[in-house]
Amino acid sequence: MQSLRHQRVRELIKREAGDLLREHLSLETYGMVSVHEVFVSGDLKHAKVLMGHIGKTEQQIAAEQYLVSHRGMIQLEMSHRVQLKYSPQVKFSFDDSIAQGNSVLDILEDMEQSGELEP
């Protein structure tokens, strides 16, 4: 179990990352990008930000490319907002668990309709 400090740092990074993403990624160009979860390392020097996306696939690809190319600038802005002894190195990645869950539900529904799966 993580300490209270880890939990507070995770929530702080989650809030600030969400604000920064809303500022940098316009809804029209990149779709809706939201922060689902933040994981921090034990020494608080690394953070992984898991994000969700609502929109077209092209918008998600554009958002990924923007985050890869502007990660340093976003991390610098985050370091000014989140006052810690060491500013964590942030890695952004999209969480596709919702899409995977929807595809499993679609498969089950198709099986049920075709009679392969009895209710």
C-alpha atoms as a PDB file:
ATOM      1  CA  MET A   1       0.000   0.000   0.000  1.00  0.00           C
ATOM      2  CA  GLN A   2       1.294   3.413  -0.909  1.00  0.00           C
ATOM      3  CA  SER A   3       1.820   6.055   1.712  1.00  0.00           C
ATOM      4  CA  LEU A   4      -0.411   9.055   2.163  1.00  0.00           C
ATOM      5  CA  ARG A   5       2.277  11.189   0.514  1.00  0.00           C
ATOM      6  CA  HIS A   6       2.218   9.005  -2.622  1.00  0.00           C
ATOM      7  CA  GLN A   7      -1.547   9.234  -2.793  1.00  0.00           C
ATOM      8  CA  ARG A   8      -1.470  13.014  -2.422  1.00  0.00           C
ATOM      9  CA  VAL A   9       1.233  13.384  -5.097  1.00  0.00           C
ATOM     10  CA  ARG A  10      -0.733  11.106  -7.467  1.00  0.00           C
ATOM     11  CA  GLU A  11      -3.898  13.162  -7.014  1.00  0.00           C
ATOM     12  CA  LEU A  12      -2.007  16.440  -7.419  1.00  0.00           C
ATOM     13  CA  ILE A  13      -0.334  15.265 -10.638  1.00  0.00           C
ATOM     14  CA  LYS A  14      -3.666  13.910 -11.897  1.00  0.00           C
ATOM     15  CA  ARG A  15      -5.396  17.260 -11.336  1.00  0.00           C
ATOM     16  CA  GLU A  16      -2.601  19.345 -12.874  1.00  0.00           C
ATOM     17  CA  ALA A  17      -2.119  16.965 -15.823  1.00  0.00           C
ATOM     18  CA  GLY A  18      -5.834  17.202 -16.558  1.00  0.00           C
ATOM     19  CA  ASP A  19      -5.679  21.004 -16.492  1.00  0.00           C
ATOM     20  CA  LEU A  20      -2.619  21.061 -18.750  1.00  0.00           C
ATOM     21  CA  LEU A  21      -4.190  18.661 -21.240  1.00  0.00           C
ATOM     22  CA  ARG A  22      -7.310  20.833 -21.445  1.00  0.00           C
ATOM     23  CA  GLU A  23      -5.106  23.876 -22.106  1.00  0.00           C
ATOM     24  CA  HIS A  24      -2.903  22.209 -24.746  1.00  0.00           C
ATOM     25  CA  LEU A  25      -5.285  19.845 -26.549  1.00  0.00           C
ATOM     26  CA  SER A  26      -8.235  21.608 -28.138  1.00  0.00           C
ATOM     27  CA  LEU A  27     -11.472  19.649 -28.309  1.00  0.00           C
ATOM     28  CA  GLU A  28     -11.975  20.308 -32.027  1.00  0.00           C
ATOM     29  CA  THR A  29      -8.512  19.154 -33.082  1.00  0.00           C
ATOM     30  CA  TYR A  30      -7.706  16.347 -30.634  1.00  0.00           C
ATOM     31  CA  GLY A  31     -11.083  15.191 -29.306  1.00  0.00           C
ATOM     32  CA  MET A  32     -11.752  14.855 -25.593  1.00  0.00           C
ATOM     33  CA  VAL A  33      -8.714  13.681 -23.646  1.00  0.00           C
ATOM     34  CA  SER A  34      -9.063  13.021 -19.919  1.00  0.00           C
ATOM     35  CA  VAL A  35      -6.772  11.659 -17.227  1.00  0.00           C
ATOM     36  CA  HIS A  36      -7.912   8.292 -15.852  1.00  0.00           C
ATOM     37  CA  GLU A  37      -5.105   7.377 -13.489  1.00  0.00           C
ATOM     38  CA  VAL A  38      -1.603   8.371 -12.436  1.00  0.00           C
ATOM     39  CA  PHE A  39       1.034   5.944 -11.184  1.00  0.00           C
ATOM     40  CA  VAL A  40       4.159   7.238  -9.426  1.00  0.00           C
ATOM     41  CA  SER A  41       7.365   5.387  -8.643  1.00  0.00           C
ATOM     42  CA  GLY A  42       8.468   4.769  -5.083  1.00  0.00           C
ATOM     43  CA  ASP A  43      10.995   7.622  -5.186  1.00  0.00           C
ATOM     44  CA  LEU A  44       8.460   9.990  -6.827  1.00  0.00           C
ATOM     45  CA  LYS A  45      10.845  10.653  -9.739  1.00  0.00           C
ATOM     46  CA  HIS A  46       8.701   9.006 -12.431  1.00  0.00           C
ATOM     47  CA  ALA A  47       4.999   9.262 -13.169  1.00  0.00           C
ATOM     48  CA  LYS A  48       2.858   7.487 -15.741  1.00  0.00           C
ATOM     49  CA  VAL A  49      -0.328   9.285 -16.744  1.00  0.00           C
ATOM     50  CA  LEU A  50      -3.037   7.048 -18.207  1.00  0.00           C
ATOM     51  CA  MET A  51      -5.514   8.933 -20.349  1.00  0.00           C
ATOM     52  CA  GLY A  52      -8.793   8.203 -22.030  1.00  0.00           C
ATOM     53  CA  HIS A  53      -9.953   9.533 -25.361  1.00  0.00           C
ATOM     54  CA  ILE A  54     -13.353  10.224 -26.851  1.00  0.00           C
ATOM     55  CA  GLY A  55     -13.337  11.086 -30.511  1.00  0.00           C
ATOM     56  CA  LYS A  56     -12.060   9.842 -33.819  1.00  0.00           C
ATOM     57  CA  THR A  57      -9.034   7.594 -34.142  1.00  0.00           C
ATOM     58  CA  GLU A  58      -7.232  10.277 -36.155  1.00  0.00           C
ATOM     59  CA  GLN A  59      -7.714  12.720 -33.287  1.00  0.00           C
ATOM     60  CA  GLN A  60      -6.226  10.253 -30.805  1.00  0.00           C
ATOM     61  CA  ILE A  61      -3.203   9.699 -33.047  1.00  0.00           C
ATOM     62  CA  ALA A  62      -2.750  13.468 -33.367  1.00  0.00           C
ATOM     63  CA  ALA A  63      -3.010  13.849 -29.574  1.00  0.00           C
ATOM     64  CA  GLU A  64      -0.396  11.115 -29.042  1.00  0.00           C
ATOM     65  CA  GLN A  65       1.962  12.793 -31.512  1.00  0.00           C
ATOM     66  CA  TYR A  66       1.454  16.174 -29.825  1.00  0.00           C
ATOM     67  CA  LEU A  67       2.187  14.728 -26.379  1.00  0.00           C
ATOM     68  CA  VAL A  68       5.322  12.942 -27.600  1.00  0.00           C
ATOM     69  CA  SER A  69       6.706  16.047 -29.282  1.00  0.00           C
ATOM     70  CA  HIS A  70       5.750  18.484 -26.486  1.00  0.00           C
ATOM     71  CA  ARG A  71       6.347  16.282 -23.422  1.00  0.00           C
ATOM     72  CA  GLY A  72       9.274  18.385 -22.218  1.00  0.00           C
ATOM     73  CA  MET A  73       7.322  21.635 -22.357  1.00  0.00           C
ATOM     74  CA  ILE A  74       4.325  20.087 -20.586  1.00  0.00           C
ATOM     75  CA  GLN A  75       6.588  18.557 -17.955  1.00  0.00           C
ATOM     76  CA  LEU A  76       8.243  21.950 -17.371  1.00  0.00           C
ATOM     77  CA  GLU A  77       4.850  23.593 -16.892  1.00  0.00           C
ATOM     78  CA  MET A  78       3.845  20.816 -14.505  1.00  0.00           C
ATOM     79  CA  SER A  79       7.032  21.300 -12.482  1.00  0.00           C
ATOM     80  CA  HIS A  80       6.063  24.952 -11.946  1.00  0.00           C
ATOM     81  CA  ARG A  81       2.585  23.959 -10.788  1.00  0.00           C
ATOM     82  CA  VAL A  82       3.528  20.936  -8.663  1.00  0.00           C
ATOM     83  CA  GLN A  83       6.092  22.002  -6.093  1.00  0.00           C
ATOM     84  CA  LEU A  84       8.137  18.925  -5.154  1.00  0.00           C
ATOM     85  CA  LYS A  85      11.784  18.371  -4.333  1.00  0.00           C
ATOM     86  CA  TYR A  86      12.154  16.422  -7.579  1.00  0.00           C
ATOM     87  CA  SER A  87       9.828  17.026 -10.469  1.00  0.00           C
ATOM     88  CA  PRO A  88       8.730  13.606 -11.728  1.00  0.00           C
ATOM     89  CA  GLN A  89       9.534  12.597 -15.282  1.00  0.00           C
ATOM     90  CA  VAL A  90       6.109  12.177 -16.845  1.00  0.00           C
ATOM     91  CA  LYS A  91       5.143   9.590 -19.441  1.00  0.00           C
ATOM     92  CA  PHE A  92       1.759   9.888 -21.150  1.00  0.00           C
ATOM     93  CA  SER A  93      -0.073   6.861 -22.481  1.00  0.00           C
ATOM     94  CA  PHE A  94      -3.629   6.135 -23.566  1.00  0.00           C
ATOM     95  CA  ASP A  95      -5.687   3.614 -21.618  1.00  0.00           C
ATOM     96  CA  ASP A  96      -7.651   1.453 -24.035  1.00  0.00           C
ATOM     97  CA  SER A  97      -9.351  -0.711 -21.410  1.00  0.00           C
ATOM     98  CA  ILE A  98     -12.761   0.862 -22.088  1.00  0.00           C
ATOM     99  CA  ALA A  99     -12.494   0.107 -25.813  1.00  0.00           C
ATOM    100  CA  GLN A 100     -11.390  -3.448 -25.048  1.00  0.00           C
ATOM    101  CA  GLY A 101     -14.310  -3.900 -22.678  1.00  0.00           C
ATOM    102  CA  ASN A 102     -16.742  -2.608 -25.292  1.00  0.00           C
ATOM    103  CA  SER A 103     -15.357  -5.004 -27.912  1.00  0.00           C
ATOM    104  CA  VAL A 104     -15.766  -7.954 -25.515  1.00  0.00           C
ATOM    105  CA  LEU A 105     -19.371  -6.899 -24.844  1.00  0.00           C
ATOM    106  CA  ASP A 106     -19.993  -6.639 -28.601  1.00  0.00           C
ATOM    107  CA  ILE A 107     -18.612 -10.150 -29.140  1.00  0.00           C
ATOM    108  CA  LEU A 108     -20.788 -11.536 -26.352  1.00  0.00           C
ATOM    109  CA  GLU A 109     -23.846  -9.791 -27.780  1.00  0.00           C
ATOM    110  CA  ASP A 110     -23.139 -11.213 -31.250  1.00  0.00           C
ATOM    111  CA  MET A 111     -22.751 -14.697 -29.783  1.00  0.00           C
ATOM    112  CA  GLU A 112     -25.984 -14.352 -27.859  1.00  0.00           C
ATOM    113  CA  GLN A 113     -27.893 -13.214 -30.959  1.00  0.00           C
ATOM    114  CA  SER A 114     -26.514 -16.026 -33.099  1.00  0.00           C
ATOM    115  CA  GLY A 115     -27.507 -18.606 -30.471  1.00  0.00           C
ATOM    116  CA  GLU A 116     -23.951 -19.651 -29.571  1.00  0.00           C
ATOM    117  CA  LEU A 117     -24.357 -18.271 -26.068  1.00  0.00           C
ATOM    118  CA  GLU A 118     -27.468 -19.010 -24.074  1.00  0.00           C
ATOM    119  CA  PRO A 119     -28.726 -16.292 -21.694  1.00  0.00           C
END
